[in-house]
All heavy atoms as atom14 arrays in JSON, in Angstrom:
{
  "sequence": "SYFCRKADFVFNFAGINRPKETSEFMTGNYMFPCHLLQELEKWNNK",
  "atom14_mask": [
    [1, 1, 1, 1, 1, 1, 0, 0, 0, 0, 0, 0, 0, 0],
    [1, 1, 1, 1, 1, 1, 1, 1, 1, 1, 1, 1, 0, 0],
    [1, 1, 1, 1, 1, 1, 1, 1, 1, 1, 1, 0, 0, 0],
    [1, 1, 1, 1, 1, 1, 0, 0, 0, 0, 0, 0, 0, 0],
    [1, 1, 1, 1, 1, 1, 1, 1, 1, 1, 1, 0, 0, 0],
    [1, 1, 1, 1, 1, 1, 1, 1, 1, 0, 0, 0, 0, 0],
    [1, 1, 1, 1, 1, 0, 0, 0, 0, 0, 0, 0, 0, 0],
    [1, 1, 1, 1, 1, 1, 1, 1, 0, 0, 0, 0, 0, 0],
    [1, 1, 1, 1, 1, 1, 1, 1, 1, 1, 1, 0, 0, 0],
    [1, 1, 1, 1, 1, 1, 1, 0, 0, 0, 0, 0, 0, 0],
    [1, 1, 1, 1, 1, 1, 1, 1, 1, 1, 1, 0, 0, 0],
    [1, 1, 1, 1, 1, 1, 1, 1, 0, 0, 0, 0, 0, 0],
    [1, 1, 1, 1, 1, 1, 1, 1, 1, 1, 1, 0, 0, 0],
    [1, 1, 1, 1, 1, 0, 0, 0, 0, 0, 0, 0, 0, 0],
    [1, 1, 1, 1, 0, 0, 0, 0, 0, 0, 0, 0, 0, 0],
    [1, 1, 1, 1, 1, 1, 1, 1, 0, 0, 0, 0, 0, 0],
    [1, 1, 1, 1, 1, 1, 1, 1, 0, 0, 0, 0, 0, 0],
    [1, 1, 1, 1, 1, 1, 1, 1, 1, 1, 1, 0, 0, 0],
    [1, 1, 1, 1, 1, 1, 1, 0, 0, 0, 0, 0, 0, 0],
    [1, 1, 1, 1, 1, 1, 1, 1, 1, 0, 0, 0, 0, 0],
    [1, 1, 1, 1, 1, 1, 1, 1, 1, 0, 0, 0, 0, 0],
    [1, 1, 1, 1, 1, 1, 1, 0, 0, 0, 0, 0, 0, 0],
    [1, 1, 1, 1, 1, 1, 0, 0, 0, 0, 0, 0, 0, 0],
    [1, 1, 1, 1, 1, 1, 1, 1, 1, 0, 0, 0, 0, 0],
    [1, 1, 1, 1, 1, 1, 1, 1, 1, 1, 1, 0, 0, 0],
    [1, 1, 1, 1, 1, 1, 1, 1, 0, 0, 0, 0, 0, 0],
    [1, 1, 1, 1, 1, 1, 1, 0, 0, 0, 0, 0, 0, 0],
    [1, 1, 1, 1, 0, 0, 0, 0, 0, 0, 0, 0, 0, 0],
    [1, 1, 1, 1, 1, 1, 1, 1, 0, 0, 0, 0, 0, 0],
    [1, 1, 1, 1, 1, 1, 1, 1, 1, 1, 1, 1, 0, 0],
    [1, 1, 1, 1, 1, 1, 1, 1, 0, 0, 0, 0, 0, 0],
    [1, 1, 1, 1, 1, 1, 1, 1, 1, 1, 1, 0, 0, 0],
    [1, 1, 1, 1, 1, 1, 1, 0, 0, 0, 0, 0, 0, 0],
    [1, 1, 1, 1, 1, 1, 0, 0, 0, 0, 0, 0, 0, 0],
    [1, 1, 1, 1, 1, 1, 1, 1, 1, 1, 0, 0, 0, 0],
    [1, 1, 1, 1, 1, 1, 1, 1, 0, 0, 0, 0, 0, 0],
    [1, 1, 1, 1, 1, 1, 1, 1, 0, 0, 0, 0, 0, 0],
    [1, 1, 1, 1, 1, 1, 1, 1, 1, 0, 0, 0, 0, 0],
    [1, 1, 1, 1, 1, 1, 1, 1, 1, 0, 0, 0, 0, 0],
    [1, 1, 1, 1, 1, 1, 1, 1, 0, 0, 0, 0, 0, 0],
    [1, 1, 1, 1, 1, 1, 1, 1, 1, 0, 0, 0, 0, 0],
    [1, 1, 1, 1, 1, 1, 1, 1, 1, 0, 0, 0, 0, 0],
    [1, 1, 1, 1, 1, 1, 1, 1, 1, 1, 1, 1, 1, 1],
    [1, 1, 1, 1, 1, 1, 1, 1, 0, 0, 0, 0, 0, 0],
    [1, 1, 1, 1, 1, 1, 1, 1, 0, 0, 0, 0, 0, 0],
    [1, 1, 1, 1, 1, 1, 1, 1, 1, 0, 0, 0, 0, 0]
  ],
  "atom14_positions": [
    [[157.7, 156.45, 145.04], [157.22, 156.61, 143.67], [156.96, 155.25, 143.03], [155.94, 155.05, 142.36], [158.24, 157.41, 142.86], [157.77, 157.63, 141.54], [0.0, 0.0, 0.0], [0.0, 0.0, 0.0], [0.0, 0.0, 0.0], [0.0, 0.0, 0.0], [0.0, 0.0, 0.0], [0.0, 0.0, 0.0], [0.0, 0.0, 0.0], [0.0, 0.0, 0.0]],
    [[157.88, 154.32, 143.26], [157.71, 152.97, 142.71], [156.48, 152.3, 143.32], [155.67, 151.68, 142.61], [158.95, 152.14, 143.0], [158.82, 150.68, 142.62], [158.94, 150.27, 141.3], [158.55, 149.72, 143.59], [158.8, 148.94, 140.95], [158.42, 148.38, 143.26], [158.54, 147.99, 141.94], [158.4, 146.67, 141.59], [0.0, 0.0, 0.0], [0.0, 0.0, 0.0]],
    [[156.31, 152.46, 144.63], [155.15, 151.87, 145.31], [153.85, 152.43, 144.72], [152.88, 151.69, 144.51], [155.2, 152.17, 146.8], [156.37, 151.54, 147.54], [156.73, 152.01, 148.8], [157.09, 150.5, 146.99], [157.8, 151.45, 149.49], [158.16, 149.93, 147.67], [158.51, 150.41, 148.92], [0.0, 0.0, 0.0], [0.0, 0.0, 0.0], [0.0, 0.0, 0.0]],
    [[153.82, 153.73, 144.47], [152.62, 154.36, 143.94], [152.32, 153.89, 142.51], [151.17, 153.86, 142.08], [152.77, 155.89, 143.97], [152.64, 156.6, 145.63], [0.0, 0.0, 0.0], [0.0, 0.0, 0.0], [0.0, 0.0, 0.0], [0.0, 0.0, 0.0], [0.0, 0.0, 0.0], [0.0, 0.0, 0.0], [0.0, 0.0, 0.0], [0.0, 0.0, 0.0]],
    [[153.34, 153.54, 141.79], [153.14, 153.02, 140.43], [152.55, 151.61, 140.45], [151.71, 151.26, 139.61], [154.46, 153.03, 139.67], [154.35, 152.48, 138.24], [155.54, 152.9, 137.39], [156.79, 152.32, 137.84], [157.31, 151.18, 137.37], [156.67, 150.5, 136.43], [158.46, 150.74, 137.84], [0.0, 0.0, 0.0], [0.0, 0.0, 0.0], [0.0, 0.0, 0.0]],
    [[152.98, 150.8, 141.42], [152.62, 149.38, 141.43], [151.41, 149.05, 142.3], [150.83, 147.97, 142.17], [153.81, 148.56, 141.92], [155.09, 148.73, 141.09], [154.94, 148.17, 139.69], [154.89, 146.66, 139.7], [154.85, 146.1, 138.33], [0.0, 0.0, 0.0], [0.0, 0.0, 0.0], [0.0, 0.0, 0.0], [0.0, 0.0, 0.0], [0.0, 0.0, 0.0]],
    [[151.01, 149.96, 143.2], [149.98, 149.63, 144.19], [148.61, 149.43, 143.55], [148.22, 150.13, 142.62], [149.91, 150.73, 145.24], [0.0, 0.0, 0.0], [0.0, 0.0, 0.0], [0.0, 0.0, 0.0], [0.0, 0.0, 0.0], [0.0, 0.0, 0.0], [0.0, 0.0, 0.0], [0.0, 0.0, 0.0], [0.0, 0.0, 0.0], [0.0, 0.0, 0.0]],
    [[147.87, 148.46, 144.11], [146.48, 148.24, 143.74], [145.52, 148.78, 144.8], [144.32, 148.87, 144.57], [146.21, 146.75, 143.55], [147.03, 146.16, 142.42], [147.0, 146.72, 141.3], [147.75, 145.16, 142.67], [0.0, 0.0, 0.0], [0.0, 0.0, 0.0], [0.0, 0.0, 0.0], [0.0, 0.0, 0.0], [0.0, 0.0, 0.0], [0.0, 0.0, 0.0]],
    [[146.05, 149.1, 145.96], [145.25, 149.67, 147.04], [146.23, 150.38, 147.98], [147.27, 149.85, 148.32], [144.49, 148.59, 147.81], [143.19, 149.03, 148.42], [142.01, 148.37, 148.14], [143.15, 150.12, 149.29], [140.8, 148.78, 148.7], [141.95, 150.54, 149.85], [140.76, 149.87, 149.55], [0.0, 0.0, 0.0], [0.0, 0.0, 0.0], [0.0, 0.0, 0.0]],
    [[145.87, 151.62, 148.38], [146.73, 152.4, 149.27], [146.02, 152.59, 150.61], [144.85, 153.01, 150.64], [147.07, 153.77, 148.66], [147.87, 154.61, 149.66], [147.84, 153.6, 147.36], [0.0, 0.0, 0.0], [0.0, 0.0, 0.0], [0.0, 0.0, 0.0], [0.0, 0.0, 0.0], [0.0, 0.0, 0.0], [0.0, 0.0, 0.0], [0.0, 0.0, 0.0]],
    [[146.73, 152.3, 151.68], [146.23, 152.55, 153.03], [147.15, 153.58, 153.68], [148.31, 153.29, 153.98], [146.21, 151.26, 153.85], [145.15, 150.29, 153.4], [145.41, 149.39, 152.38], [143.9, 150.29, 153.99], [144.43, 148.51, 151.93], [142.91, 149.41, 153.56], [143.18, 148.51, 152.53], [0.0, 0.0, 0.0], [0.0, 0.0, 0.0], [0.0, 0.0, 0.0]],
    [[146.62, 154.78, 153.87], [147.43, 155.87, 154.4], [147.19, 156.04, 155.9], [146.24, 156.71, 156.32], [147.12, 157.17, 153.67], [148.02, 158.3, 154.12], [149.05, 158.06, 154.73], [147.63, 159.53, 153.85], [0.0, 0.0, 0.0], [0.0, 0.0, 0.0], [0.0, 0.0, 0.0], [0.0, 0.0, 0.0], [0.0, 0.0, 0.0], [0.0, 0.0, 0.0]],
    [[148.06, 155.39, 156.68], [148.02, 155.55, 158.13], [149.03, 156.59, 158.62], [149.07, 156.91, 159.81], [148.33, 154.21, 158.83], [147.28, 153.15, 158.63], [147.52, 152.06, 157.8], [146.06, 153.25, 159.25], [146.56, 151.08, 157.62], [145.08, 152.28, 159.07], [145.34, 151.19, 158.25], [0.0, 0.0, 0.0], [0.0, 0.0, 0.0], [0.0, 0.0, 0.0]],
    [[149.87, 157.09, 157.72], [150.92, 158.03, 158.12], [150.3, 159.32, 158.63], [149.27, 159.78, 158.12], [151.84, 158.32, 156.93], [0.0, 0.0, 0.0], [0.0, 0.0, 0.0], [0.0, 0.0, 0.0], [0.0, 0.0, 0.0], [0.0, 0.0, 0.0], [0.0, 0.0, 0.0], [0.0, 0.0, 0.0], [0.0, 0.0, 0.0], [0.0, 0.0, 0.0]],
    [[150.92, 159.91, 159.63], [150.42, 161.17, 160.16], [151.22, 161.64, 161.35], [152.06, 160.91, 161.89], [0.0, 0.0, 0.0], [0.0, 0.0, 0.0], [0.0, 0.0, 0.0], [0.0, 0.0, 0.0], [0.0, 0.0, 0.0], [0.0, 0.0, 0.0], [0.0, 0.0, 0.0], [0.0, 0.0, 0.0], [0.0, 0.0, 0.0], [0.0, 0.0, 0.0]],
    [[150.97, 162.86, 161.76], [151.63, 163.48, 162.9], [150.56, 163.84, 163.93], [149.56, 164.49, 163.59], [152.39, 164.76, 162.49], [153.49, 164.43, 161.49], [152.97, 165.46, 163.71], [154.64, 163.65, 162.06], [0.0, 0.0, 0.0], [0.0, 0.0, 0.0], [0.0, 0.0, 0.0], [0.0, 0.0, 0.0], [0.0, 0.0, 0.0], [0.0, 0.0, 0.0]],
    [[150.74, 163.41, 165.16], [149.77, 163.81, 166.19], [150.4, 164.39, 167.45], [149.69, 164.93, 168.3], [148.85, 162.65, 166.57], [149.62, 161.36, 166.84], [150.71, 161.4, 167.39], [149.04, 160.24, 166.43], [0.0, 0.0, 0.0], [0.0, 0.0, 0.0], [0.0, 0.0, 0.0], [0.0, 0.0, 0.0], [0.0, 0.0, 0.0], [0.0, 0.0, 0.0]],
    [[151.71, 164.28, 167.6], [152.38, 164.88, 168.76], [153.65, 165.61, 168.29], [154.77, 165.2, 168.62], [152.73, 163.79, 169.78], [151.55, 163.15, 170.48], [150.89, 164.06, 171.49], [151.76, 164.34, 172.61], [151.83, 163.59, 173.71], [151.08, 162.5, 173.81], [152.63, 163.91, 174.68], [0.0, 0.0, 0.0], [0.0, 0.0, 0.0], [0.0, 0.0, 0.0]],
    [[153.49, 166.7, 167.52], [154.67, 167.38, 166.97], [155.32, 168.32, 167.98], [154.71, 168.69, 168.99], [154.08, 168.17, 165.81], [152.71, 168.54, 166.3], [152.24, 167.35, 167.09], [0.0, 0.0, 0.0], [0.0, 0.0, 0.0], [0.0, 0.0, 0.0], [0.0, 0.0, 0.0], [0.0, 0.0, 0.0], [0.0, 0.0, 0.0], [0.0, 0.0, 0.0]],
    [[156.54, 168.69, 167.68], [157.22, 169.7, 168.5], [156.67, 171.08, 168.18], [156.57, 171.95, 169.05], [158.73, 169.65, 168.24], [159.39, 168.36, 168.71], [160.89, 168.37, 168.42], [161.55, 167.08, 168.9], [163.02, 167.06, 168.6], [0.0, 0.0, 0.0], [0.0, 0.0, 0.0], [0.0, 0.0, 0.0], [0.0, 0.0, 0.0], [0.0, 0.0, 0.0]],
    [[156.34, 171.31, 166.9], [155.79, 172.58, 166.45], [154.41, 172.34, 165.82], [154.21, 171.36, 165.11], [156.71, 173.25, 165.42], [158.13, 173.51, 165.92], [158.17, 174.58, 166.99], [157.21, 175.4, 167.04], [159.14, 174.6, 167.78], [0.0, 0.0, 0.0], [0.0, 0.0, 0.0], [0.0, 0.0, 0.0], [0.0, 0.0, 0.0], [0.0, 0.0, 0.0]],
    [[153.48, 173.27, 166.08], [152.12, 173.12, 165.56], [152.1, 173.02, 164.04], [151.26, 172.31, 163.46], [151.26, 174.32, 166.01], [151.27, 174.4, 167.44], [149.83, 174.17, 165.53], [0.0, 0.0, 0.0], [0.0, 0.0, 0.0], [0.0, 0.0, 0.0], [0.0, 0.0, 0.0], [0.0, 0.0, 0.0], [0.0, 0.0, 0.0], [0.0, 0.0, 0.0]],
    [[153.04, 173.7, 163.38], [153.09, 173.69, 161.92], [153.3, 172.29, 161.35], [152.95, 172.02, 160.19], [154.2, 174.61, 161.42], [155.47, 174.19, 161.92], [0.0, 0.0, 0.0], [0.0, 0.0, 0.0], [0.0, 0.0, 0.0], [0.0, 0.0, 0.0], [0.0, 0.0, 0.0], [0.0, 0.0, 0.0], [0.0, 0.0, 0.0], [0.0, 0.0, 0.0]],
    [[153.85, 171.39, 162.15], [154.12, 170.03, 161.69], [152.83, 169.24, 161.44], [152.84, 168.25, 160.71], [155.0, 169.29, 162.7], [156.41, 169.86, 162.83], [157.23, 169.13, 163.87], [157.19, 167.88, 163.87], [157.88, 169.79, 164.7], [0.0, 0.0, 0.0], [0.0, 0.0, 0.0], [0.0, 0.0, 0.0], [0.0, 0.0, 0.0], [0.0, 0.0, 0.0]],
    [[151.72, 169.68, 162.05], [150.45, 169.01, 161.79], [150.13, 169.05, 160.3], [149.8, 168.03, 159.68], [149.31, 169.69, 162.56], [149.22, 169.29, 164.01], [149.11, 170.25, 165.0], [149.22, 167.96, 164.38], [149.0, 169.9, 166.33], [149.11, 167.58, 165.71], [149.02, 168.57, 166.69], [0.0, 0.0, 0.0], [0.0, 0.0, 0.0], [0.0, 0.0, 0.0]],
    [[150.22, 170.23, 159.69], [149.92, 170.36, 158.27], [150.95, 169.64, 157.41], [150.6, 169.04, 156.39], [149.84, 171.83, 157.88], [148.63, 172.56, 158.46], [147.04, 171.83, 157.96], [147.02, 172.24, 156.21], [0.0, 0.0, 0.0], [0.0, 0.0, 0.0], [0.0, 0.0, 0.0], [0.0, 0.0, 0.0], [0.0, 0.0, 0.0], [0.0, 0.0, 0.0]],
    [[152.19, 169.66, 157.84], [153.24, 168.98, 157.07], [152.97, 167.49, 156.99], [153.04, 166.88, 155.91], [154.61, 169.22, 157.71], [154.87, 170.63, 157.76], [155.71, 168.52, 156.92], [0.0, 0.0, 0.0], [0.0, 0.0, 0.0], [0.0, 0.0, 0.0], [0.0, 0.0, 0.0], [0.0, 0.0, 0.0], [0.0, 0.0, 0.0], [0.0, 0.0, 0.0]],
    [[152.68, 166.88, 158.13], [152.51, 165.43, 158.16], [151.13, 164.96, 157.73], [150.99, 163.91, 157.1], [0.0, 0.0, 0.0], [0.0, 0.0, 0.0], [0.0, 0.0, 0.0], [0.0, 0.0, 0.0], [0.0, 0.0, 0.0], [0.0, 0.0, 0.0], [0.0, 0.0, 0.0], [0.0, 0.0, 0.0], [0.0, 0.0, 0.0], [0.0, 0.0, 0.0]],
    [[150.1, 165.74, 158.07], [148.73, 165.28, 157.84], [148.08, 165.81, 156.57], [147.06, 165.29, 156.14], [147.86, 165.65, 159.06], [148.35, 164.99, 160.33], [148.91, 163.9, 160.3], [148.18, 165.67, 161.45], [0.0, 0.0, 0.0], [0.0, 0.0, 0.0], [0.0, 0.0, 0.0], [0.0, 0.0, 0.0], [0.0, 0.0, 0.0], [0.0, 0.0, 0.0]],
    [[148.68, 166.85, 155.99], [148.14, 167.39, 154.73], [149.15, 167.3, 153.59], [148.84, 166.78, 152.51], [147.69, 168.84, 154.92], [147.23, 169.48, 153.63], [145.97, 169.2, 153.12], [148.06, 170.32, 152.91], [145.55, 169.77, 151.92], [147.65, 170.9, 151.71], [146.4, 170.62, 151.22], [145.98, 171.17, 150.03], [0.0, 0.0, 0.0], [0.0, 0.0, 0.0]],
    [[150.36, 167.78, 153.83], [151.34, 167.83, 152.75], [151.74, 166.43, 152.29], [151.94, 166.22, 151.08], [152.58, 168.61, 153.2], [152.31, 170.08, 153.45], [151.54, 170.91, 152.02], [152.83, 170.73, 150.78], [0.0, 0.0, 0.0], [0.0, 0.0, 0.0], [0.0, 0.0, 0.0], [0.0, 0.0, 0.0], [0.0, 0.0, 0.0], [0.0, 0.0, 0.0]],
    [[151.86, 165.48, 153.23], [152.23, 164.13, 152.76], [151.13, 163.51, 151.91], [151.42, 162.97, 150.82], [152.57, 163.21, 153.93], [152.81, 161.79, 153.48], [153.97, 161.45, 152.8], [151.85, 160.81, 153.67], [154.18, 160.16, 152.32], [152.04, 159.52, 153.2], [153.21, 159.19, 152.53], [0.0, 0.0, 0.0], [0.0, 0.0, 0.0], [0.0, 0.0, 0.0]],
    [[149.85, 163.53, 152.32], [148.81, 163.02, 151.41], [148.81, 163.73, 150.06], [148.55, 163.1, 149.03], [147.51, 163.28, 152.19], [147.92, 163.29, 153.61], [149.29, 163.9, 153.63], [0.0, 0.0, 0.0], [0.0, 0.0, 0.0], [0.0, 0.0, 0.0], [0.0, 0.0, 0.0], [0.0, 0.0, 0.0], [0.0, 0.0, 0.0], [0.0, 0.0, 0.0]],
    [[149.1, 165.03, 150.09], [149.18, 165.78, 148.83], [150.26, 165.2, 147.91], [150.03, 164.96, 146.72], [149.45, 167.25, 149.13], [149.4, 168.32, 147.68], [0.0, 0.0, 0.0], [0.0, 0.0, 0.0], [0.0, 0.0, 0.0], [0.0, 0.0, 0.0], [0.0, 0.0, 0.0], [0.0, 0.0, 0.0], [0.0, 0.0, 0.0], [0.0, 0.0, 0.0]],
    [[151.42, 164.93, 148.49], [152.52, 164.34, 147.72], [152.16, 162.92, 147.26], [152.45, 162.53, 146.11], [153.78, 164.32, 148.58], [154.95, 163.64, 147.92], [155.52, 164.11, 146.75], [155.65, 162.53, 148.26], [156.52, 163.32, 146.4], [156.62, 162.36, 147.3], [0.0, 0.0, 0.0], [0.0, 0.0, 0.0], [0.0, 0.0, 0.0], [0.0, 0.0, 0.0]],
    [[151.5, 162.17, 148.11], [151.1, 160.8, 147.78], [150.16, 160.8, 146.58], [150.34, 160.02, 145.63], [150.42, 160.17, 149.0], [149.94, 158.73, 148.86], [151.12, 157.77, 148.73], [149.09, 158.33, 150.08], [0.0, 0.0, 0.0], [0.0, 0.0, 0.0], [0.0, 0.0, 0.0], [0.0, 0.0, 0.0], [0.0, 0.0, 0.0], [0.0, 0.0, 0.0]],
    [[149.18, 161.69, 146.59], [148.24, 161.76, 145.47], [148.92, 162.22, 144.19], [148.58, 161.75, 143.09], [147.09, 162.7, 145.83], [146.23, 162.29, 147.03], [145.1, 163.3, 147.27], [145.65, 160.88, 146.85], [0.0, 0.0, 0.0], [0.0, 0.0, 0.0], [0.0, 0.0, 0.0], [0.0, 0.0, 0.0], [0.0, 0.0, 0.0], [0.0, 0.0, 0.0]],
    [[149.88, 163.12, 144.31], [150.62, 163.56, 143.13], [151.38, 162.41, 142.49], [151.44, 162.28, 141.25], [151.59, 164.68, 143.52], [150.91, 166.0, 143.83], [151.88, 167.03, 144.39], [153.03, 166.72, 144.7], [151.41, 168.27, 144.54], [0.0, 0.0, 0.0], [0.0, 0.0, 0.0], [0.0, 0.0, 0.0], [0.0, 0.0, 0.0], [0.0, 0.0, 0.0]],
    [[151.97, 161.56, 143.32], [152.69, 160.39, 142.8], [151.74, 159.42, 142.11], [152.06, 158.87, 141.05], [153.44, 159.69, 143.94], [154.67, 160.43, 144.42], [155.77, 160.48, 143.36], [155.84, 159.57, 142.51], [156.55, 161.45, 143.37], [0.0, 0.0, 0.0], [0.0, 0.0, 0.0], [0.0, 0.0, 0.0], [0.0, 0.0, 0.0], [0.0, 0.0, 0.0]],
    [[150.57, 159.21, 142.69], [149.6, 158.32, 142.07], [149.14, 158.89, 140.72], [149.02, 158.16, 139.73], [148.4, 158.12, 143.0], [148.66, 157.29, 144.25], [147.49, 157.39, 145.22], [148.9, 155.82, 143.9], [0.0, 0.0, 0.0], [0.0, 0.0, 0.0], [0.0, 0.0, 0.0], [0.0, 0.0, 0.0], [0.0, 0.0, 0.0], [0.0, 0.0, 0.0]],
    [[148.89, 160.19, 140.68], [148.48, 160.84, 139.43], [149.57, 160.75, 138.38], [149.29, 160.57, 137.18], [148.11, 162.3, 139.7], [146.69, 162.51, 140.16], [146.24, 163.95, 139.99], [146.5, 164.75, 140.91], [145.65, 164.27, 138.94], [0.0, 0.0, 0.0], [0.0, 0.0, 0.0], [0.0, 0.0, 0.0], [0.0, 0.0, 0.0], [0.0, 0.0, 0.0]],
    [[150.81, 160.9, 138.82], [151.93, 160.84, 137.88], [151.92, 159.52, 137.12], [152.24, 159.47, 135.92], [153.25, 161.02, 138.63], [154.47, 161.01, 137.73], [155.74, 161.31, 138.51], [156.18, 160.12, 139.33], [157.51, 160.35, 140.0], [0.0, 0.0, 0.0], [0.0, 0.0, 0.0], [0.0, 0.0, 0.0], [0.0, 0.0, 0.0], [0.0, 0.0, 0.0]],
    [[151.57, 158.46, 137.8], [151.55, 157.13, 137.17], [150.15, 156.75, 136.67], [149.94, 155.6, 136.27], [152.05, 156.08, 138.17], [153.47, 156.31, 138.59], [153.91, 156.72, 139.8], [154.64, 156.15, 137.78], [155.28, 156.83, 139.83], [155.75, 156.48, 138.6], [154.87, 155.76, 136.45], [157.07, 156.43, 138.12], [156.17, 155.73, 135.98], [157.25, 156.07, 136.8]],
    [[149.23, 157.71, 136.72], [147.85, 157.46, 136.29], [147.26, 156.25, 137.03], [146.55, 155.44, 136.45], [147.76, 157.26, 134.78], [146.34, 157.36, 134.26], [145.52, 158.09, 134.82], [146.04, 156.6, 133.22], [0.0, 0.0, 0.0], [0.0, 0.0, 0.0], [0.0, 0.0, 0.0], [0.0, 0.0, 0.0], [0.0, 0.0, 0.0], [0.0, 0.0, 0.0]],
    [[147.6, 156.14, 138.29], [147.14, 155.02, 139.11], [145.91, 155.46, 139.89], [145.99, 156.28, 140.81], [148.24, 154.58, 140.07], [147.87, 153.31, 140.83], [146.71, 152.91, 140.88], [148.86, 152.67, 141.43], [0.0, 0.0, 0.0], [0.0, 0.0, 0.0], [0.0, 0.0, 0.0], [0.0, 0.0, 0.0], [0.0, 0.0, 0.0], [0.0, 0.0, 0.0]],
    [[144.75, 154.94, 139.51], [143.49, 155.33, 140.13], [143.0, 154.27, 141.13], [141.8, 154.07, 141.3], [142.44, 155.57, 139.05], [142.81, 156.69, 138.09], [141.78, 156.86, 137.0], [142.2, 157.96, 136.01], [141.21, 158.14, 134.92], [0.0, 0.0, 0.0], [0.0, 0.0, 0.0], [0.0, 0.0, 0.0], [0.0, 0.0, 0.0], [0.0, 0.0, 0.0]]
  ]
}
């Protein structure tokens, strides 16, 4: 949250490509970016 408030540029390399369960693809590759964007919006960081 602090990083999202202070960042001037975000590079999102985080992701899942070899999960134990197929459902983890959406968790790592969709849900995390969703949370990341929510944090940026919370701080009005564009």
